[in-house]
Each structure stands twice: as structure tokens, then as C-alpha cells.
Amino acid sequence: MAAPAPAPPWPLPARTDLRDRLLLAYGTGRGYHDVLHLTEVLSRLTELGHGDDVEVVLAAWYHDAVYDGRPEPEERSADLASTELAGTGVDVDEVARLVRLTEHHDPAPDDTRGAALCDADLAILAAAPERYADYTAGVRREYATFPAEAFRAGRLAVLRDLAGREHLFRTAAARARWDAPARRNLEAEIAALSASDLT
């Protein structure tokens, strides 16, 4: 039997209760926004030089804390972070601000923290083919209640918005590492979904 995967790094050793509650939330049978996604975002933050930035790391932990198919999950996740992190000594307003940025992934040009978090969250777009296929299958599971045509139309709108951006990623490091493979994955998925309505 394989050993259980270690818990992702958590920056508040005195509040492991919050970590454990978040891990339960991410582990409740979600399709894509699960513990693996959280772990990947935290790893990408480290690659981008923000793995020791407490507020950014906490924003990563909270950015999909509420994900239940209802509207405004980022706003509700930010509100949860504000409530749960009160009194911990961290900049709660900054954590909540960063969480909200993950709705549109459009930080201001001088927002280095926001850029790093948004890039880490979107890094899945540059995944190797097998992981990208798992990601897209996970997204479909999260929207399983949507009929195929409605899902296809919605997913295409999201993908075309991303593909049409001048820059998918905001940091120089992310652009250098992830832009080209991300665009290849987006183009392939757009082509596959566009063809699916012809059959």
C-alpha cells in the first residue's frame, strides 16, 4: 500500500485546524479544484519565488475553499479567508484581495503578488498532455449537471477568452516556461470542442 501523500505546506503552525478544515473542503469529491490542484498551485508559487510569502500562500489555500457550483465562489472564498484568518497576525485584507483576483486572473501591472498567484493558478494550462486531459475531465465532472451542449458552449467561451489574451501569464518566468505549451493545449481543446458539435 502506498503511503499517503504529504499535506501541502501550511504557513500557520499554530492554526493547523484551519489547514485540516481546508483539506477536507478540497477533498470532498471535486472534479478539478481538489487537493492536487491546491498542491500544484503551491508548487508553482515556489517556482515563481513566492513560496515563502505567507499572504500569497494563504491566498492559494483559500482561493478555491468554497467551490460548490453556486455563484461567486471566489468572493465567498475571500469572505471565508477574512473570517477564519482574523486574529492570526496575517494581513487578512491582502489575502482576501488576492483570492478575489483568481476570478478573472487580471492583476494590475505592478501587482507582483497577484501576478504570481494568478500565474500559479493558470499554470495547469501548460500541463503535459496526460495531466491536461485529467484536468479537462475534472472540469467536466464539476459541471456534470450541465447538458453537453451548454457545457461545450461555456467552456469554449472561457478558452477563447484565454487564448485571445496578449499575455496568458503576467510574470516573466511564467511566460518563459508556460506560455507556449499553454497555447498549444488551448488550441487543441478549442479545436476538439469546436468539432464536437459537427458530429
Protein backbone atom coordinates (compact mmCIF):
# COMPACT_ATOMS: atom_id res chain seq x y z
CA MET A 1 0.00 0.00 0.00
CA ALA A 2 1.37 3.41 -0.97
CA ALA A 3 1.99 5.95 1.76
CA PRO A 4 -0.47 8.85 1.83
CA ALA A 5 0.70 11.98 0.06
CA PRO A 6 2.12 14.58 2.46
CA ALA A 7 -0.08 17.58 3.21
CA PRO A 8 0.79 20.69 1.21
CA PRO A 9 2.91 23.28 3.07
CA TRP A 10 0.91 25.36 5.54
CA PRO A 11 2.34 28.65 6.89
CA LEU A 12 0.48 28.93 10.22
CA PRO A 13 1.76 26.15 12.50
CA ALA A 14 -0.42 27.36 15.38
CA ARG A 15 -3.58 27.02 13.27
CA THR A 16 -3.39 23.59 11.73
CA ASP A 17 -7.10 23.33 12.47
CA LEU A 18 -7.71 25.73 9.58
CA ARG A 19 -5.44 23.69 7.32
CA ASP A 20 -7.26 20.49 8.20
CA ARG A 21 -10.67 22.05 7.53
CA LEU A 22 -9.47 23.33 4.14
CA LEU A 23 -8.06 19.93 3.21
CA LEU A 24 -11.45 18.42 3.95
CA ALA A 25 -13.11 21.01 1.70
CA TYR A 26 -10.69 20.32 -1.17
CA GLY A 27 -11.15 16.58 -0.66
CA THR A 28 -14.94 16.40 -0.99
CA GLY A 29 -15.11 14.73 -4.39
CA ARG A 30 -14.47 17.78 -6.53
CA GLY A 31 -13.60 17.18 -10.13
CA TYR A 32 -10.64 19.51 -10.65
CA HIS A 33 -10.47 22.02 -7.78
CA ASP A 34 -9.14 19.41 -5.38
CA VAL A 35 -6.08 18.79 -3.21
CA LEU A 36 -3.95 18.00 -6.27
CA HIS A 37 -4.82 21.39 -7.77
CA LEU A 38 -4.01 23.11 -4.47
CA THR A 39 -0.68 21.28 -4.27
CA GLU A 40 0.18 22.22 -7.85
CA VAL A 41 -0.63 25.89 -7.26
CA LEU A 42 1.58 25.94 -4.17
CA SER A 43 4.41 24.28 -6.11
CA ARG A 44 4.11 26.81 -8.93
CA LEU A 45 4.23 29.65 -6.38
CA THR A 46 7.53 28.26 -5.14
CA GLU A 47 8.83 28.13 -8.71
CA LEU A 48 7.86 31.79 -9.10
CA GLY A 49 9.67 32.81 -5.91
CA HIS A 50 6.63 33.31 -3.66
CA GLY A 51 6.64 30.04 -1.74
CA ASP A 52 7.59 31.81 1.49
CA ASP A 53 5.20 34.74 1.13
CA VAL A 54 2.65 33.98 3.83
CA GLU A 55 -0.20 36.05 2.43
CA VAL A 56 0.22 34.66 -1.09
CA VAL A 57 0.45 31.09 0.18
CA LEU A 58 -2.67 31.55 2.30
CA ALA A 59 -4.47 33.06 -0.69
CA ALA A 60 -3.57 29.92 -2.64
CA TRP A 61 -5.01 27.77 0.13
CA TYR A 62 -8.23 29.79 0.23
CA HIS A 63 -8.70 30.61 -3.46
CA ASP A 64 -10.99 27.60 -4.07
CA ALA A 65 -12.01 26.98 -0.47
CA VAL A 66 -15.67 27.42 -1.41
CA TYR A 67 -16.48 25.60 -4.62
CA ASP A 68 -19.98 24.20 -4.66
CA GLY A 69 -21.49 25.15 -8.01
CA ARG A 70 -23.16 28.28 -6.67
CA PRO A 71 -22.31 31.80 -7.90
CA GLU A 72 -19.29 33.85 -6.81
CA PRO A 73 -17.08 31.12 -5.32
CA GLU A 74 -14.06 33.45 -5.24
CA GLU A 75 -15.97 36.13 -3.35
CA ARG A 76 -17.27 33.59 -0.86
CA SER A 77 -13.79 32.06 -0.53
CA ALA A 78 -12.36 35.54 0.17
CA ASP A 79 -15.03 36.12 2.81
CA LEU A 80 -14.19 32.79 4.41
CA ALA A 81 -10.49 33.71 4.50
CA SER A 82 -11.33 37.05 6.12
CA THR A 83 -13.37 35.32 8.80
CA GLU A 84 -11.07 32.39 9.53
CA LEU A 85 -7.77 34.29 9.44
CA ALA A 86 -8.90 37.13 11.69
CA GLY A 87 -6.59 37.39 14.68
CA THR A 88 -3.81 35.25 13.18
CA GLY A 89 -1.48 38.20 12.60
CA VAL A 90 -1.51 37.98 8.81
CA ASP A 91 -2.73 40.74 6.51
CA VAL A 92 -6.26 39.40 6.12
CA ASP A 93 -7.34 42.11 3.70
CA GLU A 94 -4.43 41.26 1.41
CA VAL A 95 -5.23 37.55 1.47
CA ALA A 96 -8.86 38.28 0.58
CA ARG A 97 -7.81 40.68 -2.20
CA LEU A 98 -5.55 38.05 -3.72
CA VAL A 99 -8.25 35.38 -3.56
CA ARG A 100 -10.65 37.68 -5.44
CA LEU A 101 -8.08 38.12 -8.22
CA THR A 102 -8.37 34.45 -9.13
CA GLU A 103 -11.85 35.04 -10.55
CA HIS A 104 -10.57 36.88 -13.64
CA HIS A 105 -6.78 36.43 -13.37
CA ASP A 106 -6.23 40.08 -14.27
CA PRO A 107 -3.90 41.69 -11.70
CA ALA A 108 -2.62 45.24 -12.11
CA PRO A 109 0.75 45.54 -13.91
CA ASP A 110 2.60 46.36 -10.68
CA ASP A 111 0.89 43.69 -8.56
CA THR A 112 3.70 41.16 -8.16
CA ARG A 113 1.85 39.07 -5.60
CA GLY A 114 -1.32 38.97 -7.65
CA ALA A 115 0.62 38.12 -10.79
CA ALA A 116 2.36 35.21 -9.09
CA LEU A 117 -0.88 33.77 -7.68
CA CYS A 118 -2.80 34.14 -10.95
CA ASP A 119 0.06 32.60 -12.93
CA ALA A 120 0.32 29.69 -10.50
CA ASP A 121 -3.43 29.10 -10.75
CA LEU A 122 -3.34 29.12 -14.57
CA ALA A 123 -0.18 27.01 -14.85
CA ILE A 124 -2.35 23.91 -15.37
CA LEU A 125 -2.94 25.19 -18.89
CA ALA A 126 0.69 24.32 -19.66
CA ALA A 127 0.50 20.79 -18.26
CA ALA A 128 1.79 17.76 -20.11
CA PRO A 129 -0.89 16.09 -22.28
CA GLU A 130 -1.89 13.37 -19.79
CA ARG A 131 -2.28 15.83 -16.91
CA TYR A 132 -4.12 18.29 -19.17
CA ALA A 133 -6.55 15.55 -20.15
CA ASP A 134 -7.14 14.76 -16.46
CA TYR A 135 -7.72 18.47 -15.84
CA THR A 136 -10.32 18.83 -18.59
CA ALA A 137 -12.08 15.65 -17.45
CA GLY A 138 -12.14 17.04 -13.92
CA VAL A 139 -13.66 20.30 -15.10
CA ARG A 140 -16.38 18.37 -16.91
CA ARG A 141 -17.15 16.39 -13.74
CA GLU A 142 -17.56 19.63 -11.82
CA TYR A 143 -20.18 20.72 -14.36
CA ALA A 144 -21.80 17.31 -14.73
CA THR A 145 -25.28 18.78 -14.19
CA PHE A 146 -24.91 20.88 -17.36
CA PRO A 147 -26.08 19.31 -20.63
CA ALA A 148 -23.25 18.58 -23.04
CA GLU A 149 -24.08 21.45 -25.40
CA ALA A 150 -24.35 24.02 -22.62
CA PHE A 151 -21.05 22.88 -21.17
CA ARG A 152 -19.37 22.93 -24.57
CA ALA A 153 -20.53 26.49 -25.25
CA GLY A 154 -19.48 27.74 -21.84
CA ARG A 155 -16.11 26.03 -21.93
CA LEU A 156 -15.41 27.35 -25.42
CA ALA A 157 -16.16 30.89 -24.26
CA VAL A 158 -13.68 30.56 -21.40
CA LEU A 159 -10.98 29.00 -23.59
CA ARG A 160 -11.37 31.57 -26.38
CA ASP A 161 -11.13 34.39 -23.85
CA LEU A 162 -7.89 32.95 -22.52
CA ALA A 163 -6.46 32.22 -25.96
CA GLY A 164 -7.28 35.75 -27.11
CA ARG A 165 -5.25 37.41 -24.39
CA GLU A 166 -1.99 39.05 -25.38
CA HIS A 167 -0.44 37.50 -22.27
CA LEU A 168 -1.77 34.40 -20.55
CA PHE A 169 0.78 34.86 -17.78
CA ARG A 170 1.91 38.05 -16.07
CA THR A 171 5.34 37.16 -14.70
CA ALA A 172 8.36 36.86 -16.96
CA ALA A 173 9.23 33.45 -15.52
CA ALA A 174 5.76 32.05 -16.17
CA ARG A 175 5.71 33.41 -19.71
CA ALA A 176 9.04 31.82 -20.49
CA ARG A 177 8.10 28.43 -19.00
CA TRP A 178 4.42 28.05 -19.66
CA ASP A 179 3.10 30.30 -22.42
CA ALA A 180 3.95 28.13 -25.44
CA PRO A 181 2.67 24.80 -24.05
CA ALA A 182 -0.41 26.52 -22.63
CA ARG A 183 -1.31 27.96 -26.00
CA ARG A 184 -0.85 24.57 -27.65
CA ASN A 185 -3.19 22.97 -25.11
CA LEU A 186 -5.78 25.72 -25.51
CA GLU A 187 -5.71 25.46 -29.30
CA ALA A 188 -6.10 21.68 -29.17
CA GLU A 189 -9.01 21.80 -26.73
CA ILE A 190 -10.75 24.57 -28.67
CA ALA A 191 -10.40 22.56 -31.88
CA ALA A 192 -11.76 19.40 -30.23
CA LEU A 193 -14.74 21.18 -28.67
CA SER A 194 -15.47 23.09 -31.87
CA ALA A 195 -15.54 19.87 -33.86
CA SER A 196 -17.76 18.11 -31.34
CA ASP A 197 -20.87 19.97 -32.48
CA LEU A 198 -20.38 18.68 -36.01
CA THR A 199 -20.86 15.03 -35.09
